[in-house]
């Protein structure tokens, strides 16, 4: 069995905004994120990046990007806005969620929450295994979200119509 590649995580900096915008355009078709009827721009958010390999230190160039998570703080809440793991099932996503959870705790947040869509059964399994609870179903929320971000498709994973936002929460 091949050994999984090592990776390391660091916080995003303002210098990262350009490549983060390009990454989001490539993976999300836009830097625009709609959550609960509000528009955010992912490349302007706080976050963490995962690089392949081991941390080369400050003067050396980083490795290849293998994951990205963005979040926003709002009082006692922290919303996980985006998460991408380009090499599944080796712990990148979990490490990114943990980094966001730690940042939220340090900021005094009482909860970490996120929105996913009704078609994303993988995300439902993933987050529940990590202690998140489904706390709300926002019925037909994507109808309004499409007015703000027309790139949201009508049909999602496995041919499931995209209609609802599902809210999950992890108490901190």
N, C-alpha and C. Protein backbone atom coordinates (compact mmCIF):
# COMPACT_ATOMS: atom_id res chain seq x y z
N UNK A 1 0.84 -1.18 0.00
CA UNK A 1 0.00 0.00 0.00
C UNK A 1 0.89 1.24 0.00
N UNK A 2 0.57 2.21 -0.87
CA UNK A 2 1.36 3.44 -0.95
C UNK A 2 1.07 4.32 0.26
N UNK A 3 2.10 4.99 0.74
CA UNK A 3 1.95 5.89 1.87
C UNK A 3 1.33 7.20 1.40
N UNK A 4 0.44 7.77 2.20
CA UNK A 4 -0.20 9.03 1.85
C UNK A 4 0.82 10.16 1.86
N UNK A 5 0.67 11.12 0.93
CA UNK A 5 1.60 12.24 0.95
C UNK A 5 1.37 13.10 2.19
N UNK A 6 2.44 13.64 2.70
CA UNK A 6 2.35 14.53 3.86
C UNK A 6 1.79 15.87 3.40
N UNK A 7 1.21 16.60 4.32
CA UNK A 7 0.73 17.93 4.02
C UNK A 7 0.88 18.79 5.27
N UNK A 8 0.86 20.08 5.06
CA UNK A 8 0.90 21.02 6.17
C UNK A 8 -0.10 22.14 5.90
N UNK A 9 -0.50 22.81 6.95
CA UNK A 9 -1.54 23.84 6.86
C UNK A 9 -0.99 25.14 7.42
N UNK A 10 -1.36 26.23 6.76
CA UNK A 10 -1.03 27.55 7.28
C UNK A 10 -2.21 28.48 7.02
N UNK A 11 -2.30 29.56 7.81
CA UNK A 11 -3.37 30.54 7.58
C UNK A 11 -3.17 31.26 6.25
N UNK A 12 -4.27 31.68 5.64
CA UNK A 12 -4.20 32.52 4.45
C UNK A 12 -3.70 33.91 4.86
N UNK A 13 -3.03 34.57 3.92
CA UNK A 13 -2.57 35.94 4.13
C UNK A 13 -3.15 36.81 3.01
N UNK A 14 -3.11 38.12 3.14
CA UNK A 14 -3.58 38.98 2.05
C UNK A 14 -2.86 38.72 0.73
N UNK A 15 -1.61 38.27 0.78
CA UNK A 15 -0.86 37.95 -0.45
C UNK A 15 -1.46 36.78 -1.21
N UNK A 16 -2.27 35.96 -0.53
CA UNK A 16 -2.86 34.77 -1.15
C UNK A 16 -4.13 35.08 -1.96
N UNK A 17 -4.67 36.27 -1.84
CA UNK A 17 -6.00 36.56 -2.42
C UNK A 17 -6.09 36.28 -3.91
N UNK A 18 -5.04 36.57 -4.66
CA UNK A 18 -5.08 36.35 -6.11
C UNK A 18 -5.23 34.89 -6.47
N UNK A 19 -4.37 34.03 -5.92
CA UNK A 19 -4.48 32.62 -6.28
C UNK A 19 -5.72 31.98 -5.67
N UNK A 20 -6.18 32.48 -4.49
CA UNK A 20 -7.41 31.95 -3.90
C UNK A 20 -8.59 32.26 -4.82
N UNK A 21 -8.64 33.47 -5.39
CA UNK A 21 -9.71 33.83 -6.33
C UNK A 21 -9.69 32.89 -7.53
N UNK A 22 -8.52 32.62 -8.06
CA UNK A 22 -8.40 31.72 -9.21
C UNK A 22 -8.83 30.29 -8.82
N UNK A 23 -8.40 29.83 -7.66
CA UNK A 23 -8.77 28.50 -7.16
C UNK A 23 -10.30 28.40 -7.05
N UNK A 24 -10.92 29.42 -6.48
CA UNK A 24 -12.38 29.39 -6.31
C UNK A 24 -13.09 29.45 -7.66
N UNK A 25 -12.60 30.25 -8.58
CA UNK A 25 -13.19 30.27 -9.92
C UNK A 25 -13.11 28.88 -10.56
N UNK A 26 -11.98 28.21 -10.38
CA UNK A 26 -11.81 26.87 -10.97
C UNK A 26 -12.67 25.81 -10.30
N UNK A 27 -12.86 25.90 -8.97
CA UNK A 27 -13.56 24.85 -8.23
C UNK A 27 -15.01 25.17 -7.91
N UNK A 28 -15.35 26.46 -7.79
CA UNK A 28 -16.71 26.87 -7.40
C UNK A 28 -17.37 27.71 -8.49
N UNK A 29 -16.66 27.97 -9.60
CA UNK A 29 -17.15 28.76 -10.74
C UNK A 29 -17.40 30.22 -10.39
N UNK A 30 -16.91 30.66 -9.25
CA UNK A 30 -17.07 32.05 -8.83
C UNK A 30 -16.41 32.23 -7.47
N UNK A 31 -16.03 33.46 -7.16
CA UNK A 31 -15.58 33.76 -5.80
C UNK A 31 -16.77 34.14 -4.93
N UNK A 32 -17.93 34.33 -5.56
CA UNK A 32 -19.14 34.73 -4.84
C UNK A 32 -19.74 33.53 -4.12
N UNK A 33 -20.04 33.73 -2.84
CA UNK A 33 -20.66 32.70 -2.01
C UNK A 33 -21.96 33.28 -1.47
N UNK A 34 -23.03 32.52 -1.56
CA UNK A 34 -24.31 32.95 -0.99
C UNK A 34 -24.65 32.01 0.15
N UNK A 35 -24.88 32.59 1.32
CA UNK A 35 -25.24 31.82 2.50
C UNK A 35 -26.33 32.57 3.25
N UNK A 36 -27.46 31.92 3.41
CA UNK A 36 -28.59 32.49 4.15
C UNK A 36 -28.97 33.87 3.60
N UNK A 37 -28.94 33.99 2.26
CA UNK A 37 -29.39 35.21 1.60
C UNK A 37 -28.38 36.34 1.59
N UNK A 38 -27.15 36.09 2.03
CA UNK A 38 -26.10 37.11 2.04
C UNK A 38 -25.00 36.71 1.06
N UNK A 39 -24.39 37.70 0.44
CA UNK A 39 -23.31 37.47 -0.51
C UNK A 39 -21.97 37.77 0.17
N UNK A 40 -21.03 36.87 -0.03
CA UNK A 40 -19.66 37.02 0.47
C UNK A 40 -18.72 36.69 -0.68
N UNK A 41 -17.49 37.16 -0.59
CA UNK A 41 -16.49 36.86 -1.62
C UNK A 41 -15.39 36.05 -0.96
N UNK A 42 -15.29 34.80 -1.39
CA UNK A 42 -14.41 33.83 -0.74
C UNK A 42 -12.95 34.21 -0.68
N UNK A 43 -12.44 34.87 -1.71
CA UNK A 43 -11.01 35.22 -1.72
C UNK A 43 -10.69 36.34 -0.74
N UNK A 44 -11.71 36.98 -0.16
CA UNK A 44 -11.50 38.04 0.82
C UNK A 44 -11.67 37.56 2.25
N UNK A 45 -12.06 36.29 2.42
CA UNK A 45 -12.31 35.73 3.74
C UNK A 45 -11.03 35.22 4.39
N UNK A 46 -11.09 35.06 5.70
CA UNK A 46 -10.02 34.37 6.42
C UNK A 46 -10.07 32.90 6.05
N UNK A 47 -8.97 32.21 6.27
CA UNK A 47 -8.98 30.79 5.96
C UNK A 47 -7.64 30.13 6.19
N UNK A 48 -7.59 28.89 5.72
CA UNK A 48 -6.38 28.08 5.84
C UNK A 48 -6.16 27.35 4.52
N UNK A 49 -4.89 27.14 4.20
CA UNK A 49 -4.52 26.41 3.00
C UNK A 49 -3.68 25.21 3.41
N UNK A 50 -3.91 24.11 2.72
CA UNK A 50 -3.10 22.90 2.92
C UNK A 50 -2.19 22.73 1.71
N UNK A 51 -0.91 22.51 1.98
CA UNK A 51 0.08 22.28 0.94
C UNK A 51 0.61 20.87 1.05
N UNK A 52 0.93 20.27 -0.08
CA UNK A 52 1.56 18.96 -0.11
C UNK A 52 2.98 19.08 0.42
N UNK A 53 3.41 18.04 1.13
CA UNK A 53 4.78 18.01 1.62
C UNK A 53 4.88 18.51 3.05
N UNK A 54 6.08 18.88 3.42
CA UNK A 54 6.32 19.40 4.76
C UNK A 54 6.63 20.88 4.65
N UNK A 55 6.40 21.60 5.72
CA UNK A 55 6.59 23.05 5.73
C UNK A 55 8.05 23.37 5.42
N UNK A 56 8.30 24.09 4.31
CA UNK A 56 9.68 24.38 3.93
C UNK A 56 10.28 25.58 4.67
N UNK A 57 9.50 26.23 5.49
CA UNK A 57 9.98 27.43 6.17
C UNK A 57 9.58 28.69 5.42
N UNK A 58 9.84 29.82 6.02
CA UNK A 58 9.33 31.08 5.48
C UNK A 58 9.98 31.52 4.17
N UNK A 59 11.22 31.19 3.94
CA UNK A 59 11.92 31.69 2.75
C UNK A 59 11.77 30.80 1.53
N UNK A 60 11.29 29.58 1.72
CA UNK A 60 11.17 28.64 0.61
C UNK A 60 9.75 28.71 0.03
N UNK A 61 9.61 28.40 -1.26
CA UNK A 61 8.26 28.39 -1.84
C UNK A 61 7.45 27.22 -1.27
N UNK A 62 6.13 27.40 -1.15
CA UNK A 62 5.29 26.33 -0.61
C UNK A 62 5.13 25.20 -1.62
N UNK A 63 4.61 24.09 -1.14
CA UNK A 63 4.31 22.97 -2.02
C UNK A 63 3.04 23.22 -2.82
N UNK A 64 2.56 22.18 -3.46
CA UNK A 64 1.34 22.23 -4.26
C UNK A 64 0.12 22.35 -3.32
N UNK A 65 -0.84 23.20 -3.67
CA UNK A 65 -2.07 23.35 -2.88
C UNK A 65 -2.88 22.05 -2.99
N UNK A 66 -3.26 21.49 -1.82
CA UNK A 66 -4.09 20.28 -1.79
C UNK A 66 -5.38 20.49 -1.00
N UNK A 67 -5.57 21.68 -0.45
CA UNK A 67 -6.80 21.95 0.27
C UNK A 67 -6.93 23.41 0.64
N UNK A 68 -8.18 23.83 0.84
CA UNK A 68 -8.46 25.22 1.18
C UNK A 68 -9.75 25.26 1.98
N UNK A 69 -9.76 26.06 3.03
CA UNK A 69 -10.98 26.31 3.80
C UNK A 69 -11.07 27.81 4.07
N UNK A 70 -12.28 28.36 3.95
CA UNK A 70 -12.50 29.77 4.28
C UNK A 70 -13.60 29.85 5.33
N UNK A 71 -13.56 30.92 6.11
CA UNK A 71 -14.54 31.08 7.17
C UNK A 71 -14.75 32.57 7.45
N UNK A 72 -15.81 32.85 8.20
CA UNK A 72 -16.05 34.22 8.64
C UNK A 72 -16.53 34.21 10.08
N UNK A 73 -16.04 35.17 10.84
CA UNK A 73 -16.44 35.32 12.23
C UNK A 73 -17.58 36.33 12.30
N UNK A 74 -18.57 36.03 13.14
CA UNK A 74 -19.72 36.92 13.32
C UNK A 74 -20.16 36.81 14.78
N UNK A 75 -19.62 37.67 15.63
CA UNK A 75 -19.94 37.62 17.05
C UNK A 75 -19.47 36.32 17.66
N UNK A 76 -20.41 35.59 18.26
CA UNK A 76 -20.08 34.32 18.92
C UNK A 76 -20.18 33.14 17.97
N UNK A 77 -20.31 33.40 16.67
CA UNK A 77 -20.44 32.34 15.67
C UNK A 77 -19.32 32.43 14.64
N UNK A 78 -18.98 31.28 14.11
CA UNK A 78 -18.03 31.19 13.00
C UNK A 78 -18.66 30.33 11.94
N UNK A 79 -18.78 30.87 10.74
CA UNK A 79 -19.35 30.11 9.63
C UNK A 79 -18.23 29.57 8.75
N UNK A 80 -18.19 28.27 8.57
CA UNK A 80 -17.29 27.63 7.62
C UNK A 80 -17.91 27.86 6.24
N UNK A 81 -17.25 28.67 5.43
CA UNK A 81 -17.84 29.10 4.16
C UNK A 81 -17.54 28.14 3.01
N UNK A 82 -16.28 27.72 2.89
CA UNK A 82 -15.92 26.77 1.83
C UNK A 82 -14.89 25.80 2.39
N UNK A 83 -14.88 24.63 1.81
CA UNK A 83 -13.82 23.66 2.12
C UNK A 83 -13.60 22.80 0.90
N UNK A 84 -12.33 22.61 0.57
CA UNK A 84 -11.94 21.75 -0.55
C UNK A 84 -10.76 20.91 -0.12
N UNK A 85 -10.85 19.63 -0.37
CA UNK A 85 -9.72 18.73 -0.20
C UNK A 85 -9.49 18.07 -1.55
N UNK A 86 -8.33 18.32 -2.14
CA UNK A 86 -8.05 17.81 -3.48
C UNK A 86 -7.53 16.38 -3.49
N UNK A 87 -7.18 15.89 -2.31
CA UNK A 87 -6.77 14.50 -2.17
C UNK A 87 -7.64 13.90 -1.07
N UNK A 88 -8.75 13.28 -1.43
CA UNK A 88 -9.69 12.81 -0.41
C UNK A 88 -9.15 11.66 0.44
N UNK A 89 -9.71 11.58 1.62
CA UNK A 89 -9.53 10.46 2.55
C UNK A 89 -8.11 10.29 3.10
N UNK A 90 -7.36 11.41 3.18
CA UNK A 90 -6.06 11.33 3.86
C UNK A 90 -5.99 12.31 5.03
N UNK A 91 -7.12 12.98 5.34
CA UNK A 91 -7.17 13.84 6.51
C UNK A 91 -7.04 15.32 6.26
N UNK A 92 -6.94 15.73 5.00
CA UNK A 92 -6.79 17.16 4.70
C UNK A 92 -8.03 17.93 5.14
N UNK A 93 -9.21 17.47 4.75
CA UNK A 93 -10.45 18.15 5.12
C UNK A 93 -10.61 18.23 6.62
N UNK A 94 -10.36 17.13 7.31
CA UNK A 94 -10.48 17.11 8.77
C UNK A 94 -9.51 18.08 9.42
N UNK A 95 -8.28 18.15 8.89
CA UNK A 95 -7.29 19.07 9.44
C UNK A 95 -7.70 20.52 9.20
N UNK A 96 -8.29 20.80 8.05
CA UNK A 96 -8.76 22.15 7.76
C UNK A 96 -9.93 22.53 8.66
N UNK A 97 -10.88 21.62 8.85
CA UNK A 97 -12.01 21.90 9.76
C UNK A 97 -11.48 22.14 11.16
N UNK A 98 -10.51 21.34 11.59
CA UNK A 98 -9.95 21.52 12.92
C UNK A 98 -9.23 22.86 13.06
N UNK A 99 -8.54 23.29 12.02
CA UNK A 99 -7.86 24.59 12.05
C UNK A 99 -8.88 25.72 12.18
N UNK A 100 -9.98 25.63 11.45
CA UNK A 100 -11.04 26.64 11.56
C UNK A 100 -11.68 26.59 12.94
N UNK A 101 -11.93 25.38 13.45
CA UNK A 101 -12.52 25.23 14.79
C UNK A 101 -11.62 25.88 15.84
N UNK A 102 -10.33 25.66 15.75
CA UNK A 102 -9.40 26.27 16.70
C UNK A 102 -9.37 27.79 16.59
N UNK A 103 -9.39 28.30 15.36
CA UNK A 103 -9.42 29.76 15.16
C UNK A 103 -10.70 30.35 15.75
N UNK A 104 -11.82 29.66 15.55
CA UNK A 104 -13.10 30.12 16.10
C UNK A 104 -13.06 30.12 17.63
N UNK A 105 -12.52 29.07 18.21
CA UNK A 105 -12.41 28.99 19.67
C UNK A 105 -11.54 30.12 20.21
N UNK A 106 -10.40 30.37 19.56
CA UNK A 106 -9.52 31.46 19.99
C UNK A 106 -10.21 32.82 19.90
N UNK A 107 -11.12 32.96 18.93
CA UNK A 107 -11.85 34.22 18.75
C UNK A 107 -13.03 34.33 19.71
N UNK A 108 -13.26 33.31 20.54
CA UNK A 108 -14.34 33.36 21.51
C UNK A 108 -15.69 32.90 20.98
N UNK A 109 -15.70 32.25 19.84
CA UNK A 109 -16.96 31.77 19.27
C UNK A 109 -17.52 30.62 20.10
N UNK A 110 -18.82 30.52 20.12
CA UNK A 110 -19.53 29.47 20.84
C UNK A 110 -20.02 28.37 19.91
N UNK A 111 -19.99 28.66 18.60
CA UNK A 111 -20.43 27.65 17.64
C UNK A 111 -19.73 27.82 16.31
N UNK A 112 -19.52 26.70 15.64
CA UNK A 112 -19.02 26.65 14.26
C UNK A 112 -20.18 26.10 13.45
N UNK A 113 -20.55 26.79 12.39
CA UNK A 113 -21.70 26.34 11.62
C UNK A 113 -21.40 26.46 10.13
N UNK A 114 -22.25 25.83 9.34
CA UNK A 114 -22.09 25.85 7.89
C UNK A 114 -23.41 25.58 7.22
N UNK A 115 -23.44 25.90 5.95
CA UNK A 115 -24.58 25.61 5.08
C UNK A 115 -24.10 24.66 4.00
N UNK A 116 -24.89 23.63 3.73
CA UNK A 116 -24.68 22.80 2.56
C UNK A 116 -26.03 22.67 1.87
N UNK A 117 -26.05 22.01 0.75
CA UNK A 117 -27.30 21.88 0.00
C UNK A 117 -27.91 20.49 0.16
N UNK A 118 -29.18 20.41 -0.14
CA UNK A 118 -29.94 19.17 0.08
C UNK A 118 -29.42 17.98 -0.72
N UNK A 119 -28.67 18.21 -1.78
CA UNK A 119 -28.15 17.11 -2.60
C UNK A 119 -26.84 16.54 -2.06
N UNK A 120 -26.20 17.25 -1.14
CA UNK A 120 -24.84 16.92 -0.74
C UNK A 120 -24.83 15.89 0.39
N UNK A 121 -25.20 14.66 0.05
CA UNK A 121 -25.26 13.59 1.05
C UNK A 121 -23.87 13.25 1.59
N UNK A 122 -22.84 13.43 0.76
CA UNK A 122 -21.47 13.19 1.23
C UNK A 122 -21.16 14.15 2.38
N UNK A 123 -21.48 15.44 2.21
CA UNK A 123 -21.20 16.44 3.25
C UNK A 123 -21.97 16.13 4.52
N UNK A 124 -23.21 15.71 4.39
CA UNK A 124 -24.00 15.37 5.58
C UNK A 124 -23.32 14.27 6.38
N UNK A 125 -22.86 13.24 5.71
CA UNK A 125 -22.13 12.16 6.40
C UNK A 125 -20.84 12.69 7.01
N UNK A 126 -20.08 13.41 6.21
CA UNK A 126 -18.78 13.91 6.63
C UNK A 126 -18.89 14.76 7.90
N UNK A 127 -19.76 15.76 7.89
CA UNK A 127 -19.85 16.67 9.03
C UNK A 127 -20.44 16.00 10.26
N UNK A 128 -21.42 15.14 10.08
CA UNK A 128 -21.99 14.46 11.24
C UNK A 128 -20.97 13.55 11.91
N UNK A 129 -20.10 12.93 11.13
CA UNK A 129 -19.04 12.10 11.71
C UNK A 129 -18.06 12.93 12.54
N UNK A 130 -18.02 14.23 12.28
CA UNK A 130 -17.11 15.13 12.98
C UNK A 130 -17.81 15.94 14.07
N UNK A 131 -19.01 15.50 14.45
CA UNK A 131 -19.71 16.10 15.58
C UNK A 131 -20.71 17.19 15.27
N UNK A 132 -20.87 17.54 14.00
CA UNK A 132 -21.86 18.56 13.63
C UNK A 132 -23.27 17.98 13.72
N UNK A 133 -24.23 18.84 14.05
CA UNK A 133 -25.64 18.46 14.14
C UNK A 133 -26.43 19.23 13.09
N UNK A 134 -27.37 18.57 12.44
CA UNK A 134 -28.29 19.24 11.53
C UNK A 134 -29.27 20.03 12.40
N UNK A 135 -29.29 21.35 12.24
CA UNK A 135 -30.14 22.16 13.11
C UNK A 135 -31.26 22.88 12.37
N UNK A 136 -31.18 22.97 11.03
CA UNK A 136 -32.24 23.64 10.29
C UNK A 136 -32.23 23.23 8.83
N UNK A 137 -33.41 23.21 8.26
CA UNK A 137 -33.58 23.05 6.82
C UNK A 137 -34.27 24.33 6.35
N UNK A 138 -33.59 25.06 5.48
CA UNK A 138 -34.14 26.30 4.94
C UNK A 138 -34.74 25.96 3.57
N UNK A 139 -36.03 25.68 3.60
CA UNK A 139 -36.75 25.17 2.44
C UNK A 139 -36.77 26.21 1.32
N UNK A 140 -36.44 25.74 0.12
CA UNK A 140 -36.43 26.55 -1.11
C UNK A 140 -35.50 27.76 -1.05
N UNK A 141 -34.50 27.72 -0.19
CA UNK A 141 -33.57 28.85 -0.06
C UNK A 141 -32.75 29.08 -1.32
N UNK A 142 -32.54 28.04 -2.12
CA UNK A 142 -31.71 28.20 -3.31
C UNK A 142 -32.42 28.98 -4.40
N UNK A 143 -33.72 29.05 -4.36
CA UNK A 143 -34.45 29.88 -5.32
C UNK A 143 -34.01 31.35 -5.16
N UNK A 144 -33.98 31.82 -3.92
CA UNK A 144 -33.53 33.19 -3.64
C UNK A 144 -32.03 33.33 -3.89
N UNK A 145 -31.25 32.32 -3.54
CA UNK A 145 -29.80 32.37 -3.72
C UNK A 145 -29.43 32.51 -5.20
N UNK A 146 -30.19 31.88 -6.09
CA UNK A 146 -29.90 31.98 -7.53
C UNK A 146 -30.08 33.40 -8.05
N UNK A 147 -30.93 34.19 -7.41
CA UNK A 147 -31.07 35.58 -7.83
C UNK A 147 -29.78 36.36 -7.53
N UNK A 148 -29.05 35.94 -6.51
CA UNK A 148 -27.80 36.58 -6.13
C UNK A 148 -26.59 35.96 -6.83
N UNK A 149 -26.71 34.66 -7.14
CA UNK A 149 -25.62 33.94 -7.79
C UNK A 149 -26.23 32.99 -8.83
N UNK A 150 -26.42 33.49 -10.05
CA UNK A 150 -27.07 32.67 -11.09
C UNK A 150 -26.30 31.40 -11.46
N UNK A 151 -25.02 31.28 -11.07
CA UNK A 151 -24.23 30.09 -11.40
C UNK A 151 -24.68 28.85 -10.64
N UNK A 152 -25.52 29.01 -9.62
CA UNK A 152 -25.98 27.84 -8.86
C UNK A 152 -26.85 27.00 -9.78
N UNK A 153 -26.47 25.74 -10.00
CA UNK A 153 -27.24 24.90 -10.93
C UNK A 153 -28.62 24.52 -10.38
N UNK A 154 -29.47 24.06 -11.26
CA UNK A 154 -30.81 23.59 -10.89
C UNK A 154 -30.73 22.18 -10.31
N UNK A 155 -29.84 21.38 -10.86
CA UNK A 155 -29.69 19.99 -10.43
C UNK A 155 -28.29 19.80 -9.86
N UNK A 156 -28.23 19.04 -8.74
CA UNK A 156 -26.96 18.82 -8.08
C UNK A 156 -26.47 17.39 -8.21
N UNK A 157 -25.77 16.93 -7.18
CA UNK A 157 -25.18 15.60 -7.18
C UNK A 157 -26.27 14.53 -7.34
N UNK A 158 -25.92 13.50 -8.06
CA UNK A 158 -26.80 12.35 -8.27
C UNK A 158 -28.14 12.73 -8.88
N UNK A 159 -28.19 13.84 -9.62
CA UNK A 159 -29.42 14.26 -10.28
C UNK A 159 -30.49 14.80 -9.34
N UNK A 160 -30.11 15.14 -8.11
CA UNK A 160 -31.06 15.65 -7.11
C UNK A 160 -31.30 17.14 -7.37
N UNK A 161 -32.56 17.56 -7.46
CA UNK A 161 -32.84 19.00 -7.63
C UNK A 161 -32.30 19.80 -6.44
N UNK A 162 -31.62 20.89 -6.72
CA UNK A 162 -31.09 21.76 -5.68
C UNK A 162 -32.18 22.74 -5.26
N UNK A 163 -32.63 22.60 -4.02
CA UNK A 163 -33.72 23.44 -3.51
C UNK A 163 -33.39 24.07 -2.17
N UNK A 164 -32.88 23.26 -1.23
CA UNK A 164 -32.84 23.66 0.17
C UNK A 164 -31.41 23.83 0.68
N UNK A 165 -31.28 24.74 1.64
CA UNK A 165 -30.03 24.86 2.38
C UNK A 165 -30.19 24.09 3.70
N UNK A 166 -29.17 23.32 4.02
CA UNK A 166 -29.15 22.57 5.28
C UNK A 166 -28.11 23.21 6.19
N UNK A 167 -28.51 23.53 7.40
CA UNK A 167 -27.61 24.19 8.34
C UNK A 167 -27.14 23.18 9.38
N UNK A 168 -25.83 23.08 9.52
CA UNK A 168 -25.24 22.19 10.51
C UNK A 168 -24.41 23.02 11.48
N UNK A 169 -24.29 22.53 12.70
CA UNK A 169 -23.60 23.29 13.74
C UNK A 169 -22.79 22.36 14.64
N UNK A 170 -21.65 22.89 15.08
CA UNK A 170 -20.81 22.22 16.06
C UNK A 170 -20.64 23.18 17.23
N UNK A 171 -21.21 22.86 18.39
CA UNK A 171 -20.99 23.74 19.55
C UNK A 171 -19.51 23.71 19.94
N UNK A 172 -19.01 24.87 20.33
CA UNK A 172 -17.59 24.98 20.71
C UNK A 172 -17.46 25.16 22.22
